Amino acid sequence: MSEILSVTDLIVSRAGAMTIQEIKAFKIPAILVPFSKSAENHQFVNATELKSMNVADIIEEKDINGISLKRAIDGILLDEKRMLDIHKAYATMDNTNVNERIYNEIMCTGGIS
């Protein structure tokens, strides 16, 4: 998977905690479609983290269709300024010890969101 993620220009994905960490680790622009039936809506919360950092867009399940997805993809991939802004945002993000932080979160709280 690392080989694929290392050459990925954009990812369209659900927003589970591990997926979010992989997106951050590989600094990939993202379009996130949180699973609407996730416990306590945690996938939407996860997606909001990347959205607030301006490195991802969110499309809710109820709103996704071919048109909304194409618009979101074009809105990132075809916008040079947006891509530059995303890469700048990732450059300022601290991704050190991601695996250790995930482990500590699981062990200290009994789970991750």
PDB file of N, CA and C in Angstrom:
ATOM      1  N   MET A   1       0.821  -1.190   0.000  1.00  0.00           N
ATOM      2  CA  MET A   1       0.000   0.000   0.000  1.00  0.00           C
ATOM      3  C   MET A   1       0.869   1.259   0.000  1.00  0.00           C
ATOM      4  N   SER A   2       1.996   1.212   0.682  1.00  0.00           N
ATOM      5  CA  SER A   2       2.876   2.379   0.747  1.00  0.00           C
ATOM      6  C   SER A   2       3.322   2.829  -0.630  1.00  0.00           C
ATOM      7  N   GLU A   3       3.604   1.878  -1.497  1.00  0.00           N
ATOM      8  CA  GLU A   3       4.025   2.238  -2.856  1.00  0.00           C
ATOM      9  C   GLU A   3       2.935   2.999  -3.587  1.00  0.00           C
ATOM     10  N   ILE A   4       1.715   2.560  -3.450  1.00  0.00           N
ATOM     11  CA  ILE A   4       0.592   3.220  -4.120  1.00  0.00           C
ATOM     12  C   ILE A   4       0.367   4.610  -3.534  1.00  0.00           C
ATOM     13  N   LEU A   5       0.325   4.701  -2.213  1.00  0.00           N
ATOM     14  CA  LEU A   5       0.066   5.990  -1.573  1.00  0.00           C
ATOM     15  C   LEU A   5       1.169   7.002  -1.862  1.00  0.00           C
ATOM     16  N   SER A   6       2.382   6.536  -2.025  1.00  0.00           N
ATOM     17  CA  SER A   6       3.495   7.461  -2.258  1.00  0.00           C
ATOM     18  C   SER A   6       3.428   8.144  -3.623  1.00  0.00           C
ATOM     19  N   VAL A   7       2.643   7.615  -4.546  1.00  0.00           N
ATOM     20  CA  VAL A   7       2.519   8.229  -5.881  1.00  0.00           C
ATOM     21  C   VAL A   7       1.092   8.709  -6.167  1.00  0.00           C
ATOM     22  N   THR A   8       0.285   8.792  -5.133  1.00  0.00           N
ATOM     23  CA  THR A   8      -1.115   9.185  -5.278  1.00  0.00           C
ATOM     24  C   THR A   8      -1.250  10.706  -5.247  1.00  0.00           C
ATOM     25  N   ASP A   9      -1.960  11.258  -6.232  1.00  0.00           N
ATOM     26  CA  ASP A   9      -2.185  12.705  -6.292  1.00  0.00           C
ATOM     27  C   ASP A   9      -3.395  13.142  -5.476  1.00  0.00           C
ATOM     28  N   LEU A  10      -4.378  12.249  -5.352  1.00  0.00           N
ATOM     29  CA  LEU A  10      -5.617  12.562  -4.651  1.00  0.00           C
ATOM     30  C   LEU A  10      -6.254  11.248  -4.222  1.00  0.00           C
ATOM     31  N   ILE A  11      -6.815  11.238  -3.032  1.00  0.00           N
ATOM     32  CA  ILE A  11      -7.491  10.036  -2.561  1.00  0.00           C
ATOM     33  C   ILE A  11      -8.957  10.360  -2.278  1.00  0.00           C
ATOM     34  N   VAL A  12      -9.837   9.459  -2.704  1.00  0.00           N
ATOM     35  CA  VAL A  12     -11.255   9.524  -2.367  1.00  0.00           C
ATOM     36  C   VAL A  12     -11.503   8.324  -1.477  1.00  0.00           C
ATOM     37  N   SER A  13     -11.960   8.587  -0.246  1.00  0.00           N
ATOM     38  CA  SER A  13     -11.993   7.511   0.733  1.00  0.00           C
ATOM     39  C   SER A  13     -13.015   7.759   1.825  1.00  0.00           C
ATOM     40  N   ARG A  14     -13.285   6.704   2.589  1.00  0.00           N
ATOM     41  CA  ARG A  14     -14.002   6.838   3.852  1.00  0.00           C
ATOM     42  C   ARG A  14     -13.074   7.590   4.796  1.00  0.00           C
ATOM     43  N   ALA A  15     -13.456   7.736   6.047  1.00  0.00           N
ATOM     44  CA  ALA A  15     -12.667   8.554   6.963  1.00  0.00           C
ATOM     45  C   ALA A  15     -12.427   7.872   8.306  1.00  0.00           C
ATOM     46  N   GLY A  16     -12.082   6.588   8.245  1.00  0.00           N
ATOM     47  CA  GLY A  16     -11.710   5.888   9.474  1.00  0.00           C
ATOM     48  C   GLY A  16     -10.404   6.441  10.017  1.00  0.00           C
ATOM     49  N   ALA A  17     -10.158   6.220  11.288  1.00  0.00           N
ATOM     50  CA  ALA A  17      -8.983   6.789  11.954  1.00  0.00           C
ATOM     51  C   ALA A  17      -7.680   6.366  11.292  1.00  0.00           C
ATOM     52  N   MET A  18      -7.543   5.112  10.961  1.00  0.00           N
ATOM     53  CA  MET A  18      -6.295   4.649  10.343  1.00  0.00           C
ATOM     54  C   MET A  18      -6.126   5.257   8.948  1.00  0.00           C
ATOM     55  N   THR A  19      -7.200   5.368   8.216  1.00  0.00           N
ATOM     56  CA  THR A  19      -7.143   5.981   6.892  1.00  0.00           C
ATOM     57  C   THR A  19      -6.704   7.439   6.996  1.00  0.00           C
ATOM     58  N   ILE A  20      -7.252   8.154   7.953  1.00  0.00           N
ATOM     59  CA  ILE A  20      -6.870   9.555   8.153  1.00  0.00           C
ATOM     60  C   ILE A  20      -5.378   9.647   8.460  1.00  0.00           C
ATOM     61  N   GLN A  21      -4.886   8.760   9.303  1.00  0.00           N
ATOM     62  CA  GLN A  21      -3.457   8.781   9.636  1.00  0.00           C
ATOM     63  C   GLN A  21      -2.593   8.481   8.416  1.00  0.00           C
ATOM     64  N   GLU A  22      -3.020   7.549   7.567  1.00  0.00           N
ATOM     65  CA  GLU A  22      -2.260   7.251   6.346  1.00  0.00           C
ATOM     66  C   GLU A  22      -2.275   8.441   5.393  1.00  0.00           C
ATOM     67  N   ILE A  23      -3.418   9.081   5.257  1.00  0.00           N
ATOM     68  CA  ILE A  23      -3.516  10.266   4.398  1.00  0.00           C
ATOM     69  C   ILE A  23      -2.559  11.342   4.894  1.00  0.00           C
ATOM     70  N   LYS A  24      -2.539  11.560   6.210  1.00  0.00           N
ATOM     71  CA  LYS A  24      -1.647  12.560   6.784  1.00  0.00           C
ATOM     72  C   LYS A  24      -0.184  12.156   6.632  1.00  0.00           C
ATOM     73  N   ALA A  25       0.111  10.888   6.855  1.00  0.00           N
ATOM     74  CA  ALA A  25       1.500  10.427   6.766  1.00  0.00           C
ATOM     75  C   ALA A  25       2.057  10.602   5.359  1.00  0.00           C
ATOM     76  N   PHE A  26       1.210  10.363   4.349  1.00  0.00           N
ATOM     77  CA  PHE A  26       1.662  10.476   2.955  1.00  0.00           C
ATOM     78  C   PHE A  26       1.342  11.842   2.350  1.00  0.00           C
ATOM     79  N   LYS A  27       0.701  12.706   3.151  1.00  0.00           N
ATOM     80  CA  LYS A  27       0.408  14.085   2.740  1.00  0.00           C
ATOM     81  C   LYS A  27      -0.357  14.149   1.421  1.00  0.00           C
ATOM     82  N   ILE A  28      -1.469  13.429   1.383  1.00  0.00           N
ATOM     83  CA  ILE A  28      -2.276  13.313   0.172  1.00  0.00           C
ATOM     84  C   ILE A  28      -3.508  14.207   0.263  1.00  0.00           C
ATOM     85  N   PRO A  29      -3.750  15.032  -0.744  1.00  0.00           N
ATOM     86  CA  PRO A  29      -5.029  15.741  -0.800  1.00  0.00           C
ATOM     87  C   PRO A  29      -6.161  14.704  -0.824  1.00  0.00           C
ATOM     88  N   ALA A  30      -7.271  15.022  -0.192  1.00  0.00           N
ATOM     89  CA  ALA A  30      -8.314  14.008  -0.057  1.00  0.00           C
ATOM     90  C   ALA A  30      -9.720  14.567  -0.234  1.00  0.00           C
ATOM     91  N   ILE A  31     -10.572  13.686  -0.706  1.00  0.00           N
ATOM     92  CA  ILE A  31     -12.015  13.898  -0.684  1.00  0.00           C
ATOM     93  C   ILE A  31     -12.546  12.772   0.189  1.00  0.00           C
ATOM     94  N   LEU A  32     -13.151  13.135   1.289  1.00  0.00           N
ATOM     95  CA  LEU A  32     -13.581  12.147   2.268  1.00  0.00           C
ATOM     96  C   LEU A  32     -15.095  12.005   2.256  1.00  0.00           C
ATOM     97  N   VAL A  33     -15.535  10.757   2.276  1.00  0.00           N
ATOM     98  CA  VAL A  33     -16.955  10.426   2.303  1.00  0.00           C
ATOM     99  C   VAL A  33     -17.181   9.604   3.572  1.00  0.00           C
ATOM    100  N   PRO A  34     -17.413  10.284   4.693  1.00  0.00           N
ATOM    101  CA  PRO A  34     -17.564   9.573   5.959  1.00  0.00           C
ATOM    102  C   PRO A  34     -18.742   8.600   5.926  1.00  0.00           C
ATOM    103  N   PHE A  35     -18.529   7.430   6.520  1.00  0.00           N
ATOM    104  CA  PHE A  35     -19.578   6.431   6.647  1.00  0.00           C
ATOM    105  C   PHE A  35     -20.620   6.975   7.619  1.00  0.00           C
ATOM    106  N   SER A  36     -21.818   7.205   7.136  1.00  0.00           N
ATOM    107  CA  SER A  36     -22.844   7.884   7.930  1.00  0.00           C
ATOM    108  C   SER A  36     -23.340   7.066   9.124  1.00  0.00           C
ATOM    109  N   LYS A  37     -23.119   5.769   9.110  1.00  0.00           N
ATOM    110  CA  LYS A  37     -23.591   4.934  10.203  1.00  0.00           C
ATOM    111  C   LYS A  37     -22.471   4.538  11.160  1.00  0.00           C
ATOM    112  N   SER A  38     -21.339   5.249  11.100  1.00  0.00           N
ATOM    113  CA  SER A  38     -20.243   4.942  12.023  1.00  0.00           C
ATOM    114  C   SER A  38     -20.647   5.322  13.441  1.00  0.00           C
ATOM    115  N   ALA A  39     -20.088   4.610  14.398  1.00  0.00           N
ATOM    116  CA  ALA A  39     -20.416   4.850  15.801  1.00  0.00           C
ATOM    117  C   ALA A  39     -20.143   6.310  16.163  1.00  0.00           C
ATOM    118  N   GLU A  40     -21.141   6.938  16.754  1.00  0.00           N
ATOM    119  CA  GLU A  40     -21.048   8.327  17.199  1.00  0.00           C
ATOM    120  C   GLU A  40     -20.573   9.271  16.089  1.00  0.00           C
ATOM    121  N   ASN A  41     -20.852   8.882  14.843  1.00  0.00           N
ATOM    122  CA  ASN A  41     -20.481   9.692  13.678  1.00  0.00           C
ATOM    123  C   ASN A  41     -18.991  10.029  13.663  1.00  0.00           C
ATOM    124  N   HIS A  42     -18.169   9.087  14.166  1.00  0.00           N
ATOM    125  CA  HIS A  42     -16.740   9.374  14.307  1.00  0.00           C
ATOM    126  C   HIS A  42     -16.042   9.622  12.978  1.00  0.00           C
ATOM    127  N   GLN A  43     -16.518   9.027  11.888  1.00  0.00           N
ATOM    128  CA  GLN A  43     -15.854   9.271  10.614  1.00  0.00           C
ATOM    129  C   GLN A  43     -16.033  10.720  10.157  1.00  0.00           C
ATOM    130  N   PHE A  44     -17.177  11.296  10.434  1.00  0.00           N
ATOM    131  CA  PHE A  44     -17.363  12.704  10.083  1.00  0.00           C
ATOM    132  C   PHE A  44     -16.434  13.579  10.926  1.00  0.00           C
ATOM    133  N   VAL A  45     -16.299  13.242  12.192  1.00  0.00           N
ATOM    134  CA  VAL A  45     -15.386  13.978  13.073  1.00  0.00           C
ATOM    135  C   VAL A  45     -13.955  13.862  12.545  1.00  0.00           C
ATOM    136  N   ASN A  46     -13.556  12.647  12.163  1.00  0.00           N
ATOM    137  CA  ASN A  46     -12.216  12.439  11.607  1.00  0.00           C
ATOM    138  C   ASN A  46     -12.008  13.278  10.351  1.00  0.00           C
ATOM    139  N   ALA A  47     -12.985  13.251   9.467  1.00  0.00           N
ATOM    140  CA  ALA A  47     -12.885  13.996   8.211  1.00  0.00           C
ATOM    141  C   ALA A  47     -12.778  15.491   8.480  1.00  0.00           C
ATOM    142  N   THR A  48     -13.496  15.956   9.486  1.00  0.00           N
ATOM    143  CA  THR A  48     -13.476  17.372   9.824  1.00  0.00           C
ATOM    144  C   THR A  48     -12.071  17.830  10.223  1.00  0.00           C
ATOM    145  N   GLU A  49     -11.303  16.940  10.823  1.00  0.00           N
ATOM    146  CA  GLU A  49      -9.922  17.286  11.188  1.00  0.00           C
ATOM    147  C   GLU A  49      -9.137  17.701   9.950  1.00  0.00           C
ATOM    148  N   LEU A  50      -9.191  16.884   8.897  1.00  0.00           N
ATOM    149  CA  LEU A  50      -8.443  17.213   7.675  1.00  0.00           C
ATOM    150  C   LEU A  50      -9.055  18.413   6.960  1.00  0.00           C
ATOM    151  N   LYS A  51     -10.368  18.528   6.985  1.00  0.00           N
ATOM    152  CA  LYS A  51     -11.035  19.675   6.369  1.00  0.00           C
ATOM    153  C   LYS A  51     -10.590  20.966   7.053  1.00  0.00           C
ATOM    154  N   SER A  52     -10.488  20.950   8.372  1.00  0.00           N
ATOM    155  CA  SER A  52     -10.089  22.154   9.107  1.00  0.00           C
ATOM    156  C   SER A  52      -8.632  22.538   8.829  1.00  0.00           C
ATOM    157  N   MET A  53      -7.840  21.577   8.386  1.00  0.00           N
ATOM    158  CA  MET A  53      -6.446  21.850   8.027  1.00  0.00           C
ATOM    159  C   MET A  53      -6.325  22.259   6.559  1.00  0.00           C
ATOM    160  N   ASN A  54      -7.465  22.315   5.872  1.00  0.00           N
ATOM    161  CA  ASN A  54      -7.526  22.700   4.453  1.00  0.00           C
ATOM    162  C   ASN A  54      -6.772  21.757   3.531  1.00  0.00           C
ATOM    163  N   VAL A  55      -6.773  20.467   3.872  1.00  0.00           N
ATOM    164  CA  VAL A  55      -6.121  19.484   3.006  1.00  0.00           C
ATOM    165  C   VAL A  55      -7.116  18.471   2.445  1.00  0.00           C
ATOM    166  N   ALA A  56      -8.397  18.658   2.766  1.00  0.00           N
ATOM    167  CA  ALA A  56      -9.415  17.711   2.305  1.00  0.00           C
ATOM    168  C   ALA A  56     -10.768  18.397   2.174  1.00  0.00           C
ATOM    169  N   ASP A  57     -11.602  17.808   1.338  1.00  0.00           N
ATOM    170  CA  ASP A  57     -13.001  18.190   1.223  1.00  0.00           C
ATOM    171  C   ASP A  57     -13.842  17.024   1.723  1.00  0.00           C
ATOM    172  N   ILE A  58     -15.032  17.323   2.174  1.00  0.00           N
ATOM    173  CA  ILE A  58     -15.956  16.294   2.665  1.00  0.00           C
ATOM    174  C   ILE A  58     -17.197  16.298   1.792  1.00  0.00           C
ATOM    175  N   ILE A  59     -17.608  15.113   1.398  1.00  0.00           N
ATOM    176  CA  ILE A  59     -18.913  14.929   0.757  1.00  0.00           C
ATOM    177  C   ILE A  59     -19.664  13.914   1.603  1.00  0.00           C
ATOM    178  N   GLU A  60     -20.782  14.316   2.157  1.00  0.00           N
ATOM    179  CA  GLU A  60     -21.561  13.374   2.955  1.00  0.00           C
ATOM    180  C   GLU A  60     -22.188  12.333   2.039  1.00  0.00           C
ATOM    181  N   GLU A  61     -22.367  11.132   2.575  1.00  0.00           N
ATOM    182  CA  GLU A  61     -22.940  10.021   1.799  1.00  0.00           C
ATOM    183  C   GLU A  61     -24.224  10.417   1.092  1.00  0.00           C
ATOM    184  N   LYS A  62     -25.083  11.127   1.788  1.00  0.00           N
ATOM    185  CA  LYS A  62     -26.385  11.494   1.220  1.00  0.00           C
ATOM    186  C   LYS A  62     -26.241  12.441   0.034  1.00  0.00           C
ATOM    187  N   ASP A  63     -25.084  13.110  -0.080  1.00  0.00           N
ATOM    188  CA  ASP A  63     -24.878  14.101  -1.135  1.00  0.00           C
ATOM    189  C   ASP A  63     -23.996  13.625  -2.283  1.00  0.00           C
ATOM    190  N   ILE A  64     -23.451  12.422  -2.173  1.00  0.00           N
ATOM    191  CA  ILE A  64     -22.503  11.999  -3.201  1.00  0.00           C
ATOM    192  C   ILE A  64     -23.220  11.424  -4.412  1.00  0.00           C
ATOM    193  N   ASN A  65     -22.767  11.868  -5.563  1.00  0.00           N
ATOM    194  CA  ASN A  65     -23.210  11.331  -6.845  1.00  0.00           C
ATOM    195  C   ASN A  65     -22.104  11.657  -7.841  1.00  0.00           C
ATOM    196  N   GLY A  66     -22.256  11.258  -9.056  1.00  0.00           N
ATOM    197  CA  GLY A  66     -21.221  11.486 -10.064  1.00  0.00           C
ATOM    198  C   GLY A  66     -20.869  12.952 -10.245  1.00  0.00           C
ATOM    199  N   ILE A  67     -21.869  13.799 -10.208  1.00  0.00           N
ATOM    200  CA  ILE A  67     -21.641  15.235 -10.415  1.00  0.00           C
ATOM    201  C   ILE A  67     -20.886  15.843  -9.238  1.00  0.00           C
ATOM    202  N   SER A  68     -21.332  15.553  -8.009  1.00  0.00           N
ATOM    203  CA  SER A  68     -20.668  16.143  -6.838  1.00  0.00           C
ATOM    204  C   SER A  68     -19.235  15.626  -6.696  1.00  0.00           C
ATOM    205  N   LEU A  69     -19.027  14.357  -7.024  1.00  0.00           N
ATOM    206  CA  LEU A  69     -17.676  13.801  -6.938  1.00  0.00           C
ATOM    207  C   LEU A  69     -16.759  14.411  -7.987  1.00  0.00           C
ATOM    208  N   LYS A  70     -17.226  14.525  -9.220  1.00  0.00           N
ATOM    209  CA  LYS A  70     -16.404  15.140 -10.276  1.00  0.00           C
ATOM    210  C   LYS A  70     -16.080  16.582  -9.926  1.00  0.00           C
ATOM    211  N   ARG A  71     -17.060  17.303  -9.422  1.00  0.00           N
ATOM    212  CA  ARG A  71     -16.842  18.706  -9.036  1.00  0.00           C
ATOM    213  C   ARG A  71     -15.771  18.802  -7.940  1.00  0.00           C
ATOM    214  N   ALA A  72     -15.830  17.910  -6.966  1.00  0.00           N
ATOM    215  CA  ALA A  72     -14.853  17.916  -5.874  1.00  0.00           C
ATOM    216  C   ALA A  72     -13.457  17.551  -6.370  1.00  0.00           C
ATOM    217  N   ILE A  73     -13.380  16.541  -7.243  1.00  0.00           N
ATOM    218  CA  ILE A  73     -12.089  16.130  -7.804  1.00  0.00           C
ATOM    219  C   ILE A  73     -11.486  17.268  -8.609  1.00  0.00           C
ATOM    220  N   ASP A  74     -12.267  17.845  -9.507  1.00  0.00           N
ATOM    221  CA  ASP A  74     -11.778  18.968 -10.321  1.00  0.00           C
ATOM    222  C   ASP A  74     -11.387  20.156  -9.446  1.00  0.00           C
ATOM    223  N   GLY A  75     -12.142  20.374  -8.384  1.00  0.00           N
ATOM    224  CA  GLY A  75     -11.874  21.494  -7.488  1.00  0.00           C
ATOM    225  C   GLY A  75     -10.535  21.396  -6.778  1.00  0.00           C
ATOM    226  N   ILE A  76     -10.001  20.207  -6.709  1.00  0.00           N
ATOM    227  CA  ILE A  76      -8.672  20.032  -6.123  1.00  0.00           C
ATOM    228  C   ILE A  76      -7.623  19.857  -7.204  1.00  0.00           C
ATOM    229  N   LEU A  77      -7.780  18.863  -8.053  1.00  0.00           N
ATOM    230  CA  LEU A  77      -6.732  18.529  -9.017  1.00  0.00           C
ATOM    231  C   LEU A  77      -6.493  19.594 -10.084  1.00  0.00           C
ATOM    232  N   LEU A  78      -7.536  20.317 -10.478  1.00  0.00           N
ATOM    233  CA  LEU A  78      -7.381  21.295 -11.550  1.00  0.00           C
ATOM    234  C   LEU A  78      -7.095  22.710 -11.050  1.00  0.00           C
ATOM    235  N   ASP A  79      -7.007  22.854  -9.739  1.00  0.00           N
ATOM    236  CA  ASP A  79      -6.761  24.176  -9.148  1.00  0.00           C
ATOM    237  C   ASP A  79      -5.332  24.201  -8.595  1.00  0.00           C
ATOM    238  N   GLU A  80      -4.410  24.786  -9.368  1.00  0.00           N
ATOM    239  CA  GLU A  80      -2.998  24.793  -8.981  1.00  0.00           C
ATOM    240  C   GLU A  80      -2.781  25.492  -7.641  1.00  0.00           C
ATOM    241  N   LYS A  81      -3.489  26.587  -7.403  1.00  0.00           N
ATOM    242  CA  LYS A  81      -3.336  27.299  -6.138  1.00  0.00           C
ATOM    243  C   LYS A  81      -3.800  26.429  -4.977  1.00  0.00           C
ATOM    244  N   ARG A  82      -4.911  25.749  -5.161  1.00  0.00           N
ATOM    245  CA  ARG A  82      -5.427  24.868  -4.098  1.00  0.00           C
ATOM    246  C   ARG A  82      -4.431  23.757  -3.792  1.00  0.00           C
ATOM    247  N   MET A  83      -3.867  23.144  -4.838  1.00  0.00           N
ATOM    248  CA  MET A  83      -2.880  22.082  -4.629  1.00  0.00           C
ATOM    249  C   MET A  83      -1.661  22.629  -3.893  1.00  0.00           C
ATOM    250  N   LEU A  84      -1.207  23.808  -4.261  1.00  0.00           N
ATOM    251  CA  LEU A  84      -0.066  24.431  -3.594  1.00  0.00           C
ATOM    252  C   LEU A  84      -0.398  24.707  -2.126  1.00  0.00           C
ATOM    253  N   ASP A  85      -1.597  25.221  -1.866  1.00  0.00           N
ATOM    254  CA  ASP A  85      -2.022  25.493  -0.493  1.00  0.00           C
ATOM    255  C   ASP A  85      -2.076  24.208   0.338  1.00  0.00           C
ATOM    256  N   ILE A  86      -2.548  23.125  -0.259  1.00  0.00           N
ATOM    257  CA  ILE A  86      -2.611  21.836   0.437  1.00  0.00           C
ATOM    258  C   ILE A  86      -1.204  21.370   0.787  1.00  0.00           C
ATOM    259  N   HIS A  87      -0.294  21.451  -0.163  1.00  0.00           N
ATOM    260  CA  HIS A  87       1.083  21.012   0.103  1.00  0.00           C
ATOM    261  C   HIS A  87       1.749  21.892   1.159  1.00  0.00           C
ATOM    262  N   LYS A  88       1.457  23.182   1.153  1.00  0.00           N
ATOM    263  CA  LYS A  88       1.980  24.077   2.194  1.00  0.00           C
ATOM    264  C   LYS A  88       1.418  23.696   3.561  1.00  0.00           C
ATOM    265  N   ALA A  89       0.126  23.391   3.613  1.00  0.00           N
ATOM    266  CA  ALA A  89      -0.506  23.009   4.886  1.00  0.00           C
ATOM    267  C   ALA A  89       0.131  21.733   5.433  1.00  0.00           C
ATOM    268  N   TYR A  90       0.362  20.768   4.563  1.00  0.00           N
ATOM    269  CA  TYR A  90       1.001  19.529   5.008  1.00  0.00           C
ATOM    270  C   TYR A  90       2.433  19.780   5.468  1.00  0.00           C
ATOM    271  N   ALA A  91       3.125  20.711   4.843  1.00  0.00           N
ATOM    272  CA  ALA A  91       4.512  20.994   5.208  1.00  0.00           C
ATOM    273  C   ALA A  91       4.620  21.521   6.634  1.00  0.00           C
ATOM    274  N   THR A  92       3.569  22.174   7.126  1.00  0.00           N
ATOM    275  CA  THR A  92       3.601  22.726   8.478  1.00  0.00           C
ATOM    276  C   THR A  92       3.069  21.749   9.522  1.00  0.00           C
ATOM    277  N   MET A  93       2.548  20.610   9.082  1.00  0.00           N
ATOM    278  CA  MET A  93       1.946  19.643   9.981  1.00  0.00           C
ATOM    279  C   MET A  93       3.009  18.730  10.597  1.00  0.00           C
ATOM    280  N   ASP A  94       2.844  18.432  11.863  1.00  0.00           N
ATOM    281  CA  ASP A  94       3.754  17.526  12.554  1.00  0.00           C
ATOM    282  C   ASP A  94       3.228  16.103  12.439  1.00  0.00           C
ATOM    283  N   ASN A  95       3.937  15.274  11.671  1.00  0.00           N
ATOM    284  CA  ASN A  95       3.539  13.871  11.495  1.00  0.00           C
ATOM    285  C   ASN A  95       4.498  12.913  12.174  1.00  0.00           C
ATOM    286  N   THR A  96       5.304  13.409  13.088  1.00  0.00           N
ATOM    287  CA  THR A  96       6.274  12.544  13.739  1.00  0.00           C
ATOM    288  C   THR A  96       5.583  11.583  14.689  1.00  0.00           C
ATOM    289  N   ASN A  97       6.101  10.402  14.754  1.00  0.00           N
ATOM    290  CA  ASN A  97       5.637   9.373  15.684  1.00  0.00           C
ATOM    291  C   ASN A  97       4.146   9.070  15.566  1.00  0.00           C
ATOM    292  N   VAL A  98       3.637   9.043  14.346  1.00  0.00           N
ATOM    293  CA  VAL A  98       2.205   8.787  14.140  1.00  0.00           C
ATOM    294  C   VAL A  98       1.811   7.435  14.721  1.00  0.00           C
ATOM    295  N   ASN A  99       2.588   6.396  14.431  1.00  0.00           N
ATOM    296  CA  ASN A  99       2.248   5.064  14.945  1.00  0.00           C
ATOM    297  C   ASN A  99       2.265   5.029  16.467  1.00  0.00           C
ATOM    298  N   GLU A 100       3.229   5.708  17.062  1.00  0.00           N
ATOM    299  CA  GLU A 100       3.307   5.753  18.521  1.00  0.00           C
ATOM    300  C   GLU A 100       2.102   6.491  19.101  1.00  0.00           C
ATOM    301  N   ARG A 101       1.685   7.573  18.470  1.00  0.00           N
ATOM    302  CA  ARG A 101       0.533   8.322  18.953  1.00  0.00           C
ATOM    303  C   ARG A 101      -0.746   7.489  18.843  1.00  0.00           C
ATOM    304  N   ILE A 102      -0.881   6.737  17.756  1.00  0.00           N
ATOM    305  CA  ILE A 102      -2.059   5.867  17.606  1.00  0.00           C
ATOM    306  C   ILE A 102      -2.060   4.815  18.710  1.00  0.00           C
ATOM    307  N   TYR A 103      -0.922   4.184  18.938  1.00  0.00           N
ATOM    308  CA  TYR A 103      -0.809   3.165  19.982  1.00  0.00           C
ATOM    309  C   TYR A 103      -1.179   3.750  21.348  1.00  0.00           C
ATOM    310  N   ASN A 104      -0.618   4.922  21.668  1.00  0.00           N
ATOM    311  CA  ASN A 104      -0.892   5.545  22.956  1.00  0.00           C
ATOM    312  C   ASN A 104      -2.359   5.908  23.100  1.00  0.00           C
ATOM    313  N   GLU A 105      -2.982   6.366  22.039  1.00  0.00           N
ATOM    314  CA  GLU A 105      -4.395   6.709  22.078  1.00  0.00           C
ATOM    315  C   GLU A 105      -5.239   5.474  22.374  1.00  0.00           C
ATOM    316  N   ILE A 106      -4.911   4.373  21.728  1.00  0.00           N
ATOM    317  CA  ILE A 106      -5.652   3.126  21.950  1.00  0.00           C
ATOM    318  C   ILE A 106      -5.461   2.633  23.377  1.00  0.00           C
ATOM    319  N   MET A 107      -4.232   2.626  23.842  1.00  0.00           N
ATOM    320  CA  MET A 107      -3.928   2.085  25.160  1.00  0.00           C
ATOM    321  C   MET A 107      -4.460   2.980  26.289  1.00  0.00           C
ATOM    322  N   CYS A 108      -4.453   4.281  26.082  1.00  0.00           N
ATOM    323  CA  CYS A 108      -4.853   5.194  27.160  1.00  0.00           C
ATOM    324  C   CYS A 108      -6.361   5.405  27.232  1.00  0.00           C
ATOM    325  N   THR A 109      -7.033   5.333  26.100  1.00  0.00           N
ATOM    326  CA  THR A 109      -8.468   5.650  26.104  1.00  0.00           C
ATOM    327  C   THR A 109      -9.349   4.455  25.768  1.00  0.00           C
ATOM    328  N   GLY A 110      -8.737   3.360  25.387  1.00  0.00           N
ATOM    329  CA  GLY A 110      -9.530   2.203  25.025  1.00  0.00           C
ATOM    330  C   GLY A 110     -10.050   2.233  23.609  1.00  0.00           C
ATOM    331  N   GLY A 111      -9.584   3.168  22.805  1.00  0.00           N
ATOM    332  CA  GLY A 111      -9.993   3.247  21.415  1.00  0.00           C
ATOM    333  C   GLY A 111      -9.647   4.579  20.813  1.00  0.00           C
ATOM    334  N   ILE A 112      -9.828   4.674  19.517  1.00  0.00           N
ATOM    335  CA  ILE A 112      -9.584   5.939  18.826  1.00  0.00           C
ATOM    336  C   ILE A 112     -10.818   6.316  18.059  1.00  0.00           C
ATOM    337  N   SER A 113     -10.961   7.586  17.807  1.00  0.00           N
ATOM    338  CA  SER A 113     -12.138   8.056  17.057  1.00  0.00           C
ATOM    339  C   SER A 113     -11.819   8.190  15.606  1.00  0.00           C
TER     340      SER A 113
END
